[in-house]
Amino acid sequence: STYYGQSLGQSLKVRFTITENNANNSVDLQLNDLKPDDTAVY
């Protein structure tokens, strides 16, 4: 299951996608349509 936070009154699911790779014990976060408010340390 995946869950997303919110930003500027909108779910981040609209622009971000989290995927997991059990084989590699890793997780990715695809960030699309980035906005200045997304500026941060992740």
PDB file of all heavy atoms in Angstrom:
ATOM      1  N   SER A   1       0.834  -1.199   0.000  1.00  0.00           N
ATOM      2  CA  SER A   1       0.000   0.000   0.000  1.00  0.00           C
ATOM      3  C   SER A   1       0.872   1.253   0.000  1.00  0.00           C
ATOM      4  O   SER A   1       1.964   1.266   0.572  1.00  0.00           O
ATOM      5  CB  SER A   1      -0.903   0.014   1.228  1.00  0.00           C
ATOM      6  OG  SER A   1      -1.841  -1.033   1.167  1.00  0.00           O
ATOM      7  N   THR A   2       0.363   2.299  -0.634  1.00  0.00           N
ATOM      8  CA  THR A   2       1.084   3.572  -0.670  1.00  0.00           C
ATOM      9  C   THR A   2       0.216   4.679  -0.096  1.00  0.00           C
ATOM     10  O   THR A   2      -1.020   4.659  -0.230  1.00  0.00           O
ATOM     11  CB  THR A   2       1.504   3.943  -2.098  1.00  0.00           C
ATOM     12  OG1 THR A   2       0.344   3.978  -2.931  1.00  0.00           O
ATOM     13  CG2 THR A   2       2.488   2.925  -2.655  1.00  0.00           C
ATOM     14  N   TYR A   3       0.849   5.646   0.533  1.00  0.00           N
ATOM     15  CA  TYR A   3       0.157   6.764   1.146  1.00  0.00           C
ATOM     16  C   TYR A   3       0.934   8.033   0.825  1.00  0.00           C
ATOM     17  O   TYR A   3       2.164   8.013   0.721  1.00  0.00           O
ATOM     18  CB  TYR A   3       0.053   6.568   2.661  1.00  0.00           C
ATOM     19  CG  TYR A   3      -0.565   5.249   3.043  1.00  0.00           C
ATOM     20  CD1 TYR A   3       0.224   4.189   3.481  1.00  0.00           C
ATOM     21  CD2 TYR A   3      -1.933   5.042   2.945  1.00  0.00           C
ATOM     22  CE1 TYR A   3      -0.335   2.969   3.807  1.00  0.00           C
ATOM     23  CE2 TYR A   3      -2.504   3.819   3.272  1.00  0.00           C
ATOM     24  CZ  TYR A   3      -1.696   2.790   3.702  1.00  0.00           C
ATOM     25  OH  TYR A   3      -2.258   1.582   4.028  1.00  0.00           O
ATOM     26  N   TYR A   4       0.205   9.135   0.692  1.00  0.00           N
ATOM     27  CA  TYR A   4       0.819  10.387   0.300  1.00  0.00           C
ATOM     28  C   TYR A   4       0.385  11.526   1.210  1.00  0.00           C
ATOM     29  O   TYR A   4      -0.750  11.550   1.691  1.00  0.00           O
ATOM     30  CB  TYR A   4       0.454  10.723  -1.149  1.00  0.00           C
ATOM     31  CG  TYR A   4       1.051   9.763  -2.145  1.00  0.00           C
ATOM     32  CD1 TYR A   4       0.408   8.578  -2.478  1.00  0.00           C
ATOM     33  CD2 TYR A   4       2.284  10.030  -2.743  1.00  0.00           C
ATOM     34  CE1 TYR A   4       0.971   7.676  -3.378  1.00  0.00           C
ATOM     35  CE2 TYR A   4       2.852   9.144  -3.641  1.00  0.00           C
ATOM     36  CZ  TYR A   4       2.192   7.970  -3.951  1.00  0.00           C
ATOM     37  OH  TYR A   4       2.762   7.086  -4.846  1.00  0.00           O
ATOM     38  N   GLY A   5       1.254  12.477   1.374  1.00  0.00           N
ATOM     39  CA  GLY A   5       0.927  13.664   2.128  1.00  0.00           C
ATOM     40  C   GLY A   5       0.230  14.687   1.248  1.00  0.00           C
ATOM     41  O   GLY A   5      -0.124  14.394   0.102  1.00  0.00           O
ATOM     42  N   GLN A   6       0.050  15.868   1.798  1.00  0.00           N
ATOM     43  CA  GLN A   6      -0.614  16.937   1.063  1.00  0.00           C
ATOM     44  C   GLN A   6       0.264  18.181   1.019  1.00  0.00           C
ATOM     45  O   GLN A   6       1.087  18.431   1.915  1.00  0.00           O
ATOM     46  CB  GLN A   6      -1.944  17.281   1.724  1.00  0.00           C
ATOM     47  CG  GLN A   6      -3.010  16.206   1.563  1.00  0.00           C
ATOM     48  CD  GLN A   6      -4.403  16.780   1.682  1.00  0.00           C
ATOM     49  OE1 GLN A   6      -4.608  17.726   2.420  1.00  0.00           O
ATOM     50  NE2 GLN A   6      -5.357  16.213   0.960  1.00  0.00           N
ATOM     51  N   SER A   7       0.068  18.981   0.002  1.00  0.00           N
ATOM     52  CA  SER A   7       0.768  20.245  -0.124  1.00  0.00           C
ATOM     53  C   SER A   7      -0.113  21.215  -0.897  1.00  0.00           C
ATOM     54  O   SER A   7      -0.709  20.835  -1.910  1.00  0.00           O
ATOM     55  CB  SER A   7       2.106  20.053  -0.849  1.00  0.00           C
ATOM     56  OG  SER A   7       2.765  21.290  -1.014  1.00  0.00           O
ATOM     57  N   LEU A   8      -0.211  22.437  -0.400  1.00  0.00           N
ATOM     58  CA  LEU A   8      -1.027  23.472  -1.054  1.00  0.00           C
ATOM     59  C   LEU A   8      -2.448  22.965  -1.282  1.00  0.00           C
ATOM     60  O   LEU A   8      -3.060  23.239  -2.327  1.00  0.00           O
ATOM     61  CB  LEU A   8      -0.378  23.883  -2.379  1.00  0.00           C
ATOM     62  CG  LEU A   8       1.055  24.425  -2.276  1.00  0.00           C
ATOM     63  CD1 LEU A   8       1.639  24.681  -3.662  1.00  0.00           C
ATOM     64  CD2 LEU A   8       1.091  25.688  -1.427  1.00  0.00           C
ATOM     65  N   GLY A   9      -2.970  22.190  -0.318  1.00  0.00           N
ATOM     66  CA  GLY A   9      -4.349  21.737  -0.383  1.00  0.00           C
ATOM     67  C   GLY A   9      -4.608  20.610  -1.364  1.00  0.00           C
ATOM     68  O   GLY A   9      -5.764  20.283  -1.652  1.00  0.00           O
ATOM     69  N   GLN A  10      -3.540  20.002  -1.856  1.00  0.00           N
ATOM     70  CA  GLN A  10      -3.696  18.939  -2.853  1.00  0.00           C
ATOM     71  C   GLN A  10      -2.865  17.742  -2.434  1.00  0.00           C
ATOM     72  O   GLN A  10      -1.778  17.897  -1.874  1.00  0.00           O
ATOM     73  CB  GLN A  10      -3.230  19.468  -4.205  1.00  0.00           C
ATOM     74  CG  GLN A  10      -3.401  18.519  -5.378  1.00  0.00           C
ATOM     75  CD  GLN A  10      -2.849  19.116  -6.658  1.00  0.00           C
ATOM     76  OE1 GLN A  10      -1.674  19.475  -6.742  1.00  0.00           O
ATOM     77  NE2 GLN A  10      -3.698  19.226  -7.669  1.00  0.00           N
ATOM     78  N   SER A  11      -3.361  16.551  -2.727  1.00  0.00           N
ATOM     79  CA  SER A  11      -2.580  15.362  -2.420  1.00  0.00           C
ATOM     80  C   SER A  11      -1.313  15.338  -3.274  1.00  0.00           C
ATOM     81  O   SER A  11      -1.353  15.634  -4.477  1.00  0.00           O
ATOM     82  CB  SER A  11      -3.400  14.109  -2.687  1.00  0.00           C
ATOM     83  OG  SER A  11      -2.571  12.955  -2.582  1.00  0.00           O
ATOM     84  N   LEU A  12      -0.210  14.954  -2.660  1.00  0.00           N
ATOM     85  CA  LEU A  12       1.033  14.843  -3.414  1.00  0.00           C
ATOM     86  C   LEU A  12       1.003  13.684  -4.395  1.00  0.00           C
ATOM     87  O   LEU A  12       1.858  13.581  -5.270  1.00  0.00           O
ATOM     88  CB  LEU A  12       2.211  14.696  -2.452  1.00  0.00           C
ATOM     89  CG  LEU A  12       2.569  15.963  -1.671  1.00  0.00           C
ATOM     90  CD1 LEU A  12       3.617  15.647  -0.598  1.00  0.00           C
ATOM     91  CD2 LEU A  12       3.069  17.059  -2.589  1.00  0.00           C
ATOM     92  N   LYS A  13       0.014  12.829  -4.264  1.00  0.00           N
ATOM     93  CA  LYS A  13      -0.128  11.697  -5.184  1.00  0.00           C
ATOM     94  C   LYS A  13      -0.322  12.179  -6.620  1.00  0.00           C
ATOM     95  O   LYS A  13      -0.009  11.465  -7.573  1.00  0.00           O
ATOM     96  CB  LYS A  13      -1.315  10.836  -4.756  1.00  0.00           C
ATOM     97  CG  LYS A  13      -1.490   9.565  -5.564  1.00  0.00           C
ATOM     98  CD  LYS A  13      -2.653   8.744  -5.041  1.00  0.00           C
ATOM     99  CE  LYS A  13      -2.797   7.443  -5.827  1.00  0.00           C
ATOM    100  NZ  LYS A  13      -3.913   6.621  -5.315  1.00  0.00           N
ATOM    101  N   VAL A  14      -0.838  13.389  -6.763  1.00  0.00           N
ATOM    102  CA  VAL A  14      -1.057  13.934  -8.103  1.00  0.00           C
ATOM    103  C   VAL A  14       0.269  14.115  -8.841  1.00  0.00           C
ATOM    104  O   VAL A  14       0.347  13.933 -10.061  1.00  0.00           O
ATOM    105  CB  VAL A  14      -1.811  15.281  -8.005  1.00  0.00           C
ATOM    106  CG1 VAL A  14      -1.939  15.933  -9.382  1.00  0.00           C
ATOM    107  CG2 VAL A  14      -3.182  15.067  -7.390  1.00  0.00           C
ATOM    108  N   ARG A  15       1.325  14.446  -8.099  1.00  0.00           N
ATOM    109  CA  ARG A  15       2.593  14.782  -8.754  1.00  0.00           C
ATOM    110  C   ARG A  15       3.741  13.829  -8.386  1.00  0.00           C
ATOM    111  O   ARG A  15       4.735  13.756  -9.116  1.00  0.00           O
ATOM    112  CB  ARG A  15       2.996  16.214  -8.382  1.00  0.00           C
ATOM    113  CG  ARG A  15       1.980  17.256  -8.809  1.00  0.00           C
ATOM    114  CD  ARG A  15       2.471  18.669  -8.521  1.00  0.00           C
ATOM    115  NE  ARG A  15       2.548  18.953  -7.105  1.00  0.00           N
ATOM    116  CZ  ARG A  15       3.644  19.288  -6.460  1.00  0.00           C
ATOM    117  NH1 ARG A  15       4.792  19.390  -7.121  1.00  0.00           N
ATOM    118  NH2 ARG A  15       3.623  19.546  -5.156  1.00  0.00           N
ATOM    119  N   PHE A  16       3.616  13.149  -7.264  1.00  0.00           N
ATOM    120  CA  PHE A  16       4.713  12.279  -6.792  1.00  0.00           C
ATOM    121  C   PHE A  16       4.281  10.813  -6.829  1.00  0.00           C
ATOM    122  O   PHE A  16       3.108  10.494  -6.636  1.00  0.00           O
ATOM    123  CB  PHE A  16       5.104  12.641  -5.364  1.00  0.00           C
ATOM    124  CG  PHE A  16       5.653  14.037  -5.175  1.00  0.00           C
ATOM    125  CD1 PHE A  16       5.958  14.495  -3.899  1.00  0.00           C
ATOM    126  CD2 PHE A  16       5.881  14.891  -6.239  1.00  0.00           C
ATOM    127  CE1 PHE A  16       6.471  15.768  -3.695  1.00  0.00           C
ATOM    128  CE2 PHE A  16       6.387  16.162  -6.064  1.00  0.00           C
ATOM    129  CZ  PHE A  16       6.673  16.599  -4.777  1.00  0.00           C
ATOM    130  N   THR A  17       5.247   9.926  -7.026  1.00  0.00           N
ATOM    131  CA  THR A  17       4.970   8.496  -7.014  1.00  0.00           C
ATOM    132  C   THR A  17       6.075   7.775  -6.258  1.00  0.00           C
ATOM    133  O   THR A  17       7.258   7.918  -6.586  1.00  0.00           O
ATOM    134  CB  THR A  17       4.898   7.918  -8.442  1.00  0.00           C
ATOM    135  OG1 THR A  17       3.902   8.622  -9.184  1.00  0.00           O
ATOM    136  CG2 THR A  17       4.527   6.436  -8.393  1.00  0.00           C
ATOM    137  N   ILE A  18       5.674   6.999  -5.249  1.00  0.00           N
ATOM    138  CA  ILE A  18       6.634   6.194  -4.494  1.00  0.00           C
ATOM    139  C   ILE A  18       6.545   4.751  -4.961  1.00  0.00           C
ATOM    140  O   ILE A  18       5.451   4.220  -5.157  1.00  0.00           O
ATOM    141  CB  ILE A  18       6.390   6.302  -2.969  1.00  0.00           C
ATOM    142  CG1 ILE A  18       7.501   5.610  -2.189  1.00  0.00           C
ATOM    143  CG2 ILE A  18       5.008   5.773  -2.574  1.00  0.00           C
ATOM    144  CD1 ILE A  18       7.473   5.886  -0.694  1.00  0.00           C
ATOM    145  N   THR A  19       7.686   4.160  -5.198  1.00  0.00           N
ATOM    146  CA  THR A  19       7.733   2.755  -5.603  1.00  0.00           C
ATOM    147  C   THR A  19       8.812   2.038  -4.800  1.00  0.00           C
ATOM    148  O   THR A  19       9.842   2.612  -4.473  1.00  0.00           O
ATOM    149  CB  THR A  19       8.032   2.606  -7.102  1.00  0.00           C
ATOM    150  OG1 THR A  19       9.252   3.314  -7.407  1.00  0.00           O
ATOM    151  CG2 THR A  19       6.915   3.162  -7.949  1.00  0.00           C
ATOM    152  N   GLU A  20       8.541   0.771  -4.526  1.00  0.00           N
ATOM    153  CA  GLU A  20       9.496  -0.004  -3.750  1.00  0.00           C
ATOM    154  C   GLU A  20      10.045  -1.152  -4.578  1.00  0.00           C
ATOM    155  O   GLU A  20       9.379  -1.664  -5.466  1.00  0.00           O
ATOM    156  CB  GLU A  20       8.838  -0.529  -2.465  1.00  0.00           C
ATOM    157  CG  GLU A  20       7.532  -1.267  -2.678  1.00  0.00           C
ATOM    158  CD  GLU A  20       7.679  -2.774  -2.788  1.00  0.00           C
ATOM    159  OE1 GLU A  20       8.798  -3.279  -2.606  1.00  0.00           O
ATOM    160  OE2 GLU A  20       6.673  -3.441  -3.052  1.00  0.00           O
ATOM    161  N   ASN A  21      11.265  -1.499  -4.302  1.00  0.00           N
ATOM    162  CA  ASN A  21      11.938  -2.594  -4.994  1.00  0.00           C
ATOM    163  C   ASN A  21      12.505  -3.520  -3.934  1.00  0.00           C
ATOM    164  O   ASN A  21      13.596  -3.309  -3.417  1.00  0.00           O
ATOM    165  CB  ASN A  21      13.044  -2.043  -5.884  1.00  0.00           C
ATOM    166  CG  ASN A  21      13.656  -3.113  -6.762  1.00  0.00           C
ATOM    167  OD1 ASN A  21      13.635  -4.290  -6.420  1.00  0.00           O
ATOM    168  ND2 ASN A  21      14.196  -2.714  -7.895  1.00  0.00           N
ATOM    169  N   ASN A  22      11.708  -4.531  -3.612  1.00  0.00           N
ATOM    170  CA  ASN A  22      12.137  -5.449  -2.557  1.00  0.00           C
ATOM    171  C   ASN A  22      13.425  -6.175  -2.903  1.00  0.00           C
ATOM    172  O   ASN A  22      14.242  -6.474  -2.042  1.00  0.00           O
ATOM    173  CB  ASN A  22      11.030  -6.475  -2.271  1.00  0.00           C
ATOM    174  CG  ASN A  22      10.075  -5.977  -1.213  1.00  0.00           C
ATOM    175  OD1 ASN A  22      10.402  -5.078  -0.445  1.00  0.00           O
ATOM    176  ND2 ASN A  22       8.885  -6.541  -1.170  1.00  0.00           N
ATOM    177  N   ALA A  23      13.577  -6.445  -4.205  1.00  0.00           N
ATOM    178  CA  ALA A  23      14.767  -7.179  -4.630  1.00  0.00           C
ATOM    179  C   ALA A  23      16.033  -6.393  -4.304  1.00  0.00           C
ATOM    180  O   ALA A  23      17.072  -6.971  -3.975  1.00  0.00           O
ATOM    181  CB  ALA A  23      14.685  -7.488  -6.113  1.00  0.00           C
ATOM    182  N   ASN A  24      15.948  -5.067  -4.398  1.00  0.00           N
ATOM    183  CA  ASN A  24      17.114  -4.224  -4.135  1.00  0.00           C
ATOM    184  C   ASN A  24      17.062  -3.558  -2.777  1.00  0.00           C
ATOM    185  O   ASN A  24      17.962  -2.805  -2.437  1.00  0.00           O
ATOM    186  CB  ASN A  24      17.240  -3.147  -5.211  1.00  0.00           C
ATOM    187  CG  ASN A  24      17.572  -3.719  -6.570  1.00  0.00           C
ATOM    188  OD1 ASN A  24      18.175  -4.783  -6.653  1.00  0.00           O
ATOM    189  ND2 ASN A  24      17.169  -3.029  -7.616  1.00  0.00           N
ATOM    190  N   ASN A  25      15.994  -3.845  -1.998  1.00  0.00           N
ATOM    191  CA  ASN A  25      15.842  -3.226  -0.686  1.00  0.00           C
ATOM    192  C   ASN A  25      15.919  -1.718  -0.808  1.00  0.00           C
ATOM    193  O   ASN A  25      16.661  -1.046  -0.059  1.00  0.00           O
ATOM    194  CB  ASN A  25      16.929  -3.745   0.273  1.00  0.00           C
ATOM    195  CG  ASN A  25      16.492  -3.732   1.712  1.00  0.00           C
ATOM    196  OD1 ASN A  25      15.315  -3.858   2.028  1.00  0.00           O
ATOM    197  ND2 ASN A  25      17.446  -3.571   2.611  1.00  0.00           N
ATOM    198  N   SER A  26      15.174  -1.177  -1.764  1.00  0.00           N
ATOM    199  CA  SER A  26      15.251   0.261  -2.028  1.00  0.00           C
ATOM    200  C   SER A  26      13.865   0.822  -2.305  1.00  0.00           C
ATOM    201  O   SER A  26      12.909   0.070  -2.544  1.00  0.00           O
ATOM    202  CB  SER A  26      16.172   0.522  -3.221  1.00  0.00           C
ATOM    203  OG  SER A  26      15.629  -0.050  -4.394  1.00  0.00           O
ATOM    204  N   VAL A  27      13.774   2.122  -2.258  1.00  0.00           N
ATOM    205  CA  VAL A  27      12.530   2.805  -2.569  1.00  0.00           C
ATOM    206  C   VAL A  27      12.855   4.067  -3.352  1.00  0.00           C
ATOM    207  O   VAL A  27      13.846   4.738  -3.075  1.00  0.00           O
ATOM    208  CB  VAL A  27      11.739   3.131  -1.285  1.00  0.00           C
ATOM    209  CG1 VAL A  27      12.505   4.086  -0.385  1.00  0.00           C
ATOM    210  CG2 VAL A  27      10.373   3.698  -1.613  1.00  0.00           C
ATOM    211  N   ASP A  28      12.027   4.347  -4.348  1.00  0.00           N
ATOM    212  CA  ASP A  28      12.219   5.533  -5.172  1.00  0.00           C
ATOM    213  C   ASP A  28      11.062   6.505  -4.974  1.00  0.00           C
ATOM    214  O   ASP A  28       9.955   6.114  -4.597  1.00  0.00           O
ATOM    215  CB  ASP A  28      12.281   5.156  -6.656  1.00  0.00           C
ATOM    216  CG  ASP A  28      13.492   4.309  -6.987  1.00  0.00           C
ATOM    217  OD1 ASP A  28      14.509   4.404  -6.268  1.00  0.00           O
ATOM    218  OD2 ASP A  28      13.419   3.539  -7.959  1.00  0.00           O
ATOM    219  N   LEU A  29      11.323   7.767  -5.259  1.00  0.00           N
ATOM    220  CA  LEU A  29      10.283   8.787  -5.237  1.00  0.00           C
ATOM    221  C   LEU A  29      10.412   9.620  -6.499  1.00  0.00           C
ATOM    222  O   LEU A  29      11.388  10.358  -6.661  1.00  0.00           O
ATOM    223  CB  LEU A  29      10.408   9.680  -4.002  1.00  0.00           C
ATOM    224  CG  LEU A  29       9.298  10.719  -3.836  1.00  0.00           C
ATOM    225  CD1 LEU A  29       7.961  10.025  -3.538  1.00  0.00           C
ATOM    226  CD2 LEU A  29       9.630  11.705  -2.719  1.00  0.00           C
ATOM    227  N   GLN A  30       9.447   9.474  -7.392  1.00  0.00           N
ATOM    228  CA  GLN A  30       9.425  10.259  -8.620  1.00  0.00           C
ATOM    229  C   GLN A  30       8.695  11.567  -8.344  1.00  0.00           C
ATOM    230  O   GLN A  30       7.550  11.557  -7.893  1.00  0.00           O
ATOM    231  CB  GLN A  30       8.722   9.481  -9.736  1.00  0.00           C
ATOM    232  CG  GLN A  30       8.593  10.230 -11.036  1.00  0.00           C
ATOM    233  CD  GLN A  30       9.929  10.451 -11.728  1.00  0.00           C
ATOM    234  OE1 GLN A  30      10.772   9.555 -11.762  1.00  0.00           O
ATOM    235  NE2 GLN A  30      10.128  11.645 -12.272  1.00  0.00           N
ATOM    236  N   LEU A  31       9.363  12.669  -8.623  1.00  0.00           N
ATOM    237  CA  LEU A  31       8.800  13.998  -8.395  1.00  0.00           C
ATOM    238  C   LEU A  31       8.548  14.655  -9.737  1.00  0.00           C
ATOM    239  O   LEU A  31       9.487  14.887 -10.505  1.00  0.00           O
ATOM    240  CB  LEU A  31       9.766  14.858  -7.575  1.00  0.00           C
ATOM    241  CG  LEU A  31      10.361  14.257  -6.305  1.00  0.00           C
ATOM    242  CD1 LEU A  31      11.411  15.194  -5.718  1.00  0.00           C
ATOM    243  CD2 LEU A  31       9.279  13.974  -5.288  1.00  0.00           C
ATOM    244  N   ASN A  32       7.299  14.943 -10.036  1.00  0.00           N
ATOM    245  CA  ASN A  32       6.937  15.584 -11.299  1.00  0.00           C
ATOM    246  C   ASN A  32       6.289  16.929 -11.047  1.00  0.00           C
ATOM    247  O   ASN A  32       5.766  17.191  -9.956  1.00  0.00           O
ATOM    248  CB  ASN A  32       5.973  14.701 -12.094  1.00  0.00           C
ATOM    249  CG  ASN A  32       6.605  13.407 -12.550  1.00  0.00           C
ATOM    250  OD1 ASN A  32       7.804  13.341 -12.841  1.00  0.00           O
ATOM    251  ND2 ASN A  32       5.813  12.356 -12.611  1.00  0.00           N
ATOM    252  N   ASP A  33       6.309  17.783 -12.070  1.00  0.00           N
ATOM    253  CA  ASP A  33       5.667  19.095 -11.992  1.00  0.00           C
ATOM    254  C   ASP A  33       6.077  19.820 -10.700  1.00  0.00           C
ATOM    255  O   ASP A  33       5.232  20.301  -9.935  1.00  0.00           O
ATOM    256  CB  ASP A  33       4.142  18.956 -12.060  1.00  0.00           C
ATOM    257  CG  ASP A  33       3.432  20.285 -12.236  1.00  0.00           C
ATOM    258  OD1 ASP A  33       4.072  21.244 -12.712  1.00  0.00           O
ATOM    259  OD2 ASP A  33       2.245  20.378 -11.854  1.00  0.00           O
ATOM    260  N   LEU A  34       7.359  19.897 -10.480  1.00  0.00           N
ATOM    261  CA  LEU A  34       7.859  20.467  -9.237  1.00  0.00           C
ATOM    262  C   LEU A  34       7.574  21.963  -9.139  1.00  0.00           C
ATOM    263  O   LEU A  34       7.567  22.681 -10.154  1.00  0.00           O
ATOM    264  CB  LEU A  34       9.358  20.204  -9.108  1.00  0.00           C
ATOM    265  CG  LEU A  34       9.700  18.771  -8.683  1.00  0.00           C
ATOM    266  CD1 LEU A  34      11.137  18.425  -9.005  1.00  0.00           C
ATOM    267  CD2 LEU A  34       9.424  18.580  -7.201  1.00  0.00           C
ATOM    268  N   LYS A  35       7.336  22.412  -7.914  1.00  0.00           N
ATOM    269  CA  LYS A  35       7.013  23.798  -7.620  1.00  0.00           C
ATOM    270  C   LYS A  35       8.010  24.337  -6.595  1.00  0.00           C
ATOM    271  O   LYS A  35       8.608  23.560  -5.831  1.00  0.00           O
ATOM    272  CB  LYS A  35       5.590  23.892  -7.073  1.00  0.00           C
ATOM    273  CG  LYS A  35       4.534  23.242  -7.963  1.00  0.00           C
ATOM    274  CD  LYS A  35       3.171  23.297  -7.339  1.00  0.00           C
ATOM    275  CE  LYS A  35       2.141  22.526  -8.156  1.00  0.00           C
ATOM    276  NZ  LYS A  35       2.007  23.016  -9.535  1.00  0.00           N
ATOM    277  N   PRO A  36       8.184  25.652  -6.545  1.00  0.00           N
ATOM    278  CA  PRO A  36       9.119  26.210  -5.549  1.00  0.00           C
ATOM    279  C   PRO A  36       8.811  25.761  -4.117  1.00  0.00           C
ATOM    280  O   PRO A  36       9.730  25.609  -3.310  1.00  0.00           O
ATOM    281  CB  PRO A  36       8.931  27.723  -5.721  1.00  0.00           C
ATOM    282  CG  PRO A  36       8.553  27.868  -7.165  1.00  0.00           C
ATOM    283  CD  PRO A  36       7.690  26.671  -7.476  1.00  0.00           C
ATOM    284  N   ASP A  37       7.531  25.533  -3.798  1.00  0.00           N
ATOM    285  CA  ASP A  37       7.174  25.061  -2.451  1.00  0.00           C
ATOM    286  C   ASP A  37       7.690  23.656  -2.155  1.00  0.00           C
ATOM    287  O   ASP A  37       7.660  23.217  -1.001  1.00  0.00           O
ATOM    288  CB  ASP A  37       5.655  25.085  -2.267  1.00  0.00           C
ATOM    289  CG  ASP A  37       5.133  26.487  -1.992  1.00  0.00           C
ATOM    290  OD1 ASP A  37       5.915  27.326  -1.505  1.00  0.00           O
ATOM    291  OD2 ASP A  37       3.950  26.752  -2.273  1.00  0.00           O
ATOM    292  N   ASP A  38       8.126  22.947  -3.174  1.00  0.00           N
ATOM    293  CA  ASP A  38       8.685  21.610  -2.966  1.00  0.00           C
ATOM    294  C   ASP A  38      10.158  21.666  -2.542  1.00  0.00           C
ATOM    295  O   ASP A  38      10.747  20.630  -2.221  1.00  0.00           O
ATOM    296  CB  ASP A  38       8.576  20.781  -4.245  1.00  0.00           C
ATOM    297  CG  ASP A  38       7.137  20.519  -4.647  1.00  0.00           C
ATOM    298  OD1 ASP A  38       6.316  20.225  -3.747  1.00  0.00           O
ATOM    299  OD2 ASP A  38       6.832  20.608  -5.846  1.00  0.00           O
ATOM    300  N   THR A  39      10.739  22.834  -2.565  1.00  0.00           N
ATOM    301  CA  THR A  39      12.131  22.982  -2.165  1.00  0.00           C
ATOM    302  C   THR A  39      12.318  22.573  -0.704  1.00  0.00           C
ATOM    303  O   THR A  39      11.651  23.094   0.190  1.00  0.00           O
ATOM    304  CB  THR A  39      12.599  24.434  -2.350  1.00  0.00           C
ATOM    305  OG1 THR A  39      12.568  24.755  -3.737  1.00  0.00           O
ATOM    306  CG2 THR A  39      14.006  24.633  -1.817  1.00  0.00           C
ATOM    307  N   ALA A  40      13.195  21.613  -0.481  1.00  0.00           N
ATOM    308  CA  ALA A  40      13.405  21.073   0.863  1.00  0.00           C
ATOM    309  C   ALA A  40      14.512  20.025   0.815  1.00  0.00           C
ATOM    310  O   ALA A  40      14.939  19.614  -0.271  1.00  0.00           O
ATOM    311  CB  ALA A  40      12.127  20.429   1.394  1.00  0.00           C
ATOM    312  N   VAL A  41      14.929  19.608   1.985  1.00  0.00           N
ATOM    313  CA  VAL A  41      15.762  18.411   2.087  1.00  0.00           C
ATOM    314  C   VAL A  41      14.816  17.222   2.235  1.00  0.00           C
ATOM    315  O   VAL A  41      13.941  17.230   3.095  1.00  0.00           O
ATOM    316  CB  VAL A  41      16.720  18.478   3.289  1.00  0.00           C
ATOM    317  CG1 VAL A  41      17.517  17.188   3.400  1.00  0.00           C
ATOM    318  CG2 VAL A  41      17.645  19.678   3.154  1.00  0.00           C
ATOM    319  N   TYR A  42      15.002  16.241   1.378  1.00  0.00           N
ATOM    320  CA  TYR A  42      14.145  15.059   1.388  1.00  0.00           C
ATOM    321  C   TYR A  42      14.866  13.919   2.097  1.00  0.00           C
ATOM    322  O   TYR A  42      15.998  13.584   1.746  1.00  0.00           O
ATOM    323  CB  TYR A  42      13.784  14.661  -0.039  1.00  0.00           C
ATOM    324  CG  TYR A  42      12.735  15.563  -0.640  1.00  0.00           C
ATOM    325  CD1 TYR A  42      13.030  16.894  -0.935  1.00  0.00           C
ATOM    326  CD2 TYR A  42      11.444  15.105  -0.885  1.00  0.00           C
ATOM    327  CE1 TYR A  42      12.065  17.748  -1.463  1.00  0.00           C
ATOM    328  CE2 TYR A  42      10.478  15.943  -1.418  1.00  0.00           C
ATOM    329  CZ  TYR A  42      10.803  17.264  -1.703  1.00  0.00           C
ATOM    330  OH  TYR A  42       9.844  18.099  -2.226  1.00  0.00           O
TER     331      TYR A  42
END
